[in-house]
């Protein structure tokens, strides 16, 4: 048995998880599932210029982005999830910064 876990093939983080006999971390596995789910979603047209919007992953949320005007479309609940995740990340960073300055 190895002392160190193998590295994720996508990001290089050490992990004990595997899919298809390849090491992959939880974050990358979740992102890969989102990409596959996004490929099955219907393509939306931009409400401003009518261009076909492209699917992108941002903070583990599938968003639709217009390649022309760069506008973004979020489905129901995604804005709340995105802002909640960003708030939690900001609080974590501030807490870590404070703990580093405390004697």
Protein backbone atom coordinates (compact mmCIF):
# COMPACT_ATOMS: atom_id res chain seq x y z
CA UNK A 1 0.00 0.00 0.00
CA UNK A 2 1.36 3.41 -0.96
CA UNK A 3 1.96 6.04 1.71
CA UNK A 4 0.73 8.84 -0.54
CA UNK A 5 -2.49 8.73 -2.50
CA UNK A 6 -2.25 9.06 -6.27
CA UNK A 7 -2.85 12.46 -7.85
CA UNK A 8 -6.06 13.39 -9.63
CA UNK A 9 -5.53 13.19 -13.39
CA UNK A 10 -7.30 16.55 -13.89
CA UNK A 11 -6.00 18.84 -11.11
CA UNK A 12 -3.12 17.01 -9.43
CA UNK A 13 -4.71 16.94 -5.95
CA UNK A 14 -4.04 13.75 -4.01
CA UNK A 15 -7.05 11.46 -3.83
CA UNK A 16 -8.08 7.91 -3.07
CA UNK A 17 -11.12 8.13 -5.38
CA UNK A 18 -11.13 6.47 -8.79
CA UNK A 19 -13.41 6.44 -11.79
CA UNK A 20 -12.72 4.13 -14.72
CA UNK A 21 -9.51 3.02 -12.93
CA UNK A 22 -8.17 6.61 -13.02
CA UNK A 23 -7.59 8.75 -9.91
CA UNK A 24 -9.99 11.70 -9.74
CA UNK A 25 -10.78 13.97 -6.77
CA UNK A 26 -14.33 14.71 -5.59
CA UNK A 27 -14.31 18.26 -7.03
CA UNK A 28 -13.22 17.13 -10.48
CA UNK A 29 -15.69 14.22 -10.46
CA UNK A 30 -18.52 16.61 -9.58
CA UNK A 31 -17.43 19.05 -12.31
CA UNK A 32 -17.28 16.22 -14.87
CA UNK A 33 -20.85 15.21 -13.93
CA UNK A 34 -21.96 18.84 -14.37
CA UNK A 35 -20.33 18.98 -17.81
CA UNK A 36 -22.15 15.80 -18.87
CA UNK A 37 -25.45 17.12 -17.49
CA UNK A 38 -24.94 20.47 -19.27
CA UNK A 39 -24.41 18.68 -22.59
CA UNK A 40 -27.92 17.21 -22.27
CA UNK A 41 -29.62 20.54 -21.45
CA UNK A 42 -31.46 22.52 -24.12
CA UNK A 43 -29.54 25.38 -25.69
CA UNK A 44 -31.03 28.80 -24.92
CA UNK A 45 -31.05 31.86 -27.15
CA UNK A 46 -29.72 35.12 -25.76
CA UNK A 47 -32.66 37.38 -24.84
CA UNK A 48 -30.70 40.42 -26.07
CA UNK A 49 -29.28 39.41 -29.44
CA UNK A 50 -30.70 35.94 -30.16
CA UNK A 51 -27.31 34.17 -30.30
CA UNK A 52 -27.08 30.55 -29.16
CA UNK A 53 -25.75 30.64 -25.60
CA UNK A 54 -22.87 28.38 -24.56
CA UNK A 55 -22.81 26.25 -21.39
CA UNK A 56 -20.06 27.02 -18.85
CA UNK A 57 -19.25 25.80 -15.34
CA UNK A 58 -18.72 28.52 -12.71
CA UNK A 59 -18.43 27.65 -9.00
CA UNK A 60 -19.98 24.23 -9.76
CA UNK A 61 -23.02 25.82 -11.42
CA UNK A 62 -23.92 25.41 -15.09
CA UNK A 63 -24.50 28.85 -16.57
CA UNK A 64 -25.47 29.96 -20.07
CA UNK A 65 -23.22 32.67 -21.54
CA UNK A 66 -23.77 34.56 -24.79
CA UNK A 67 -20.63 34.47 -26.97
CA UNK A 68 -21.58 37.81 -28.57
CA UNK A 69 -22.65 40.17 -25.77
CA UNK A 70 -21.14 38.09 -22.90
CA UNK A 71 -24.47 38.17 -21.05
CA UNK A 72 -25.15 35.39 -18.53
CA UNK A 73 -28.38 33.47 -17.87
CA UNK A 74 -28.89 31.70 -14.54
CA UNK A 75 -31.66 29.18 -13.92
CA UNK A 76 -33.86 29.39 -10.82
CA UNK A 77 -31.95 29.23 -7.55
CA UNK A 78 -28.51 29.46 -9.15
CA UNK A 79 -27.91 33.11 -8.21
CA UNK A 80 -28.71 32.33 -4.56
CA UNK A 81 -26.35 29.34 -4.61
CA UNK A 82 -23.61 31.37 -6.28
CA UNK A 83 -23.84 34.30 -3.84
CA UNK A 84 -24.09 31.91 -0.87
CA UNK A 85 -20.94 30.07 -1.99
CA UNK A 86 -19.07 33.35 -2.50
CA UNK A 87 -20.13 34.62 0.94
CA UNK A 88 -18.98 31.39 2.58
CA UNK A 89 -15.65 31.59 0.73
CA UNK A 90 -15.15 35.23 1.77
CA UNK A 91 -15.91 34.40 5.42
CA UNK A 92 -13.45 31.50 5.28
CA UNK A 93 -10.71 33.74 3.86
CA UNK A 94 -11.35 36.46 6.46
CA UNK A 95 -11.36 33.93 9.31
CA UNK A 96 -8.12 32.39 8.07
CA UNK A 97 -6.51 35.83 7.73
CA UNK A 98 -7.54 36.78 11.28
CA UNK A 99 -6.21 33.53 12.73
CA UNK A 100 -2.86 34.15 11.03
CA UNK A 101 -2.53 37.62 12.63
CA UNK A 102 -3.58 36.61 16.15
CA UNK A 103 -0.75 35.86 18.56
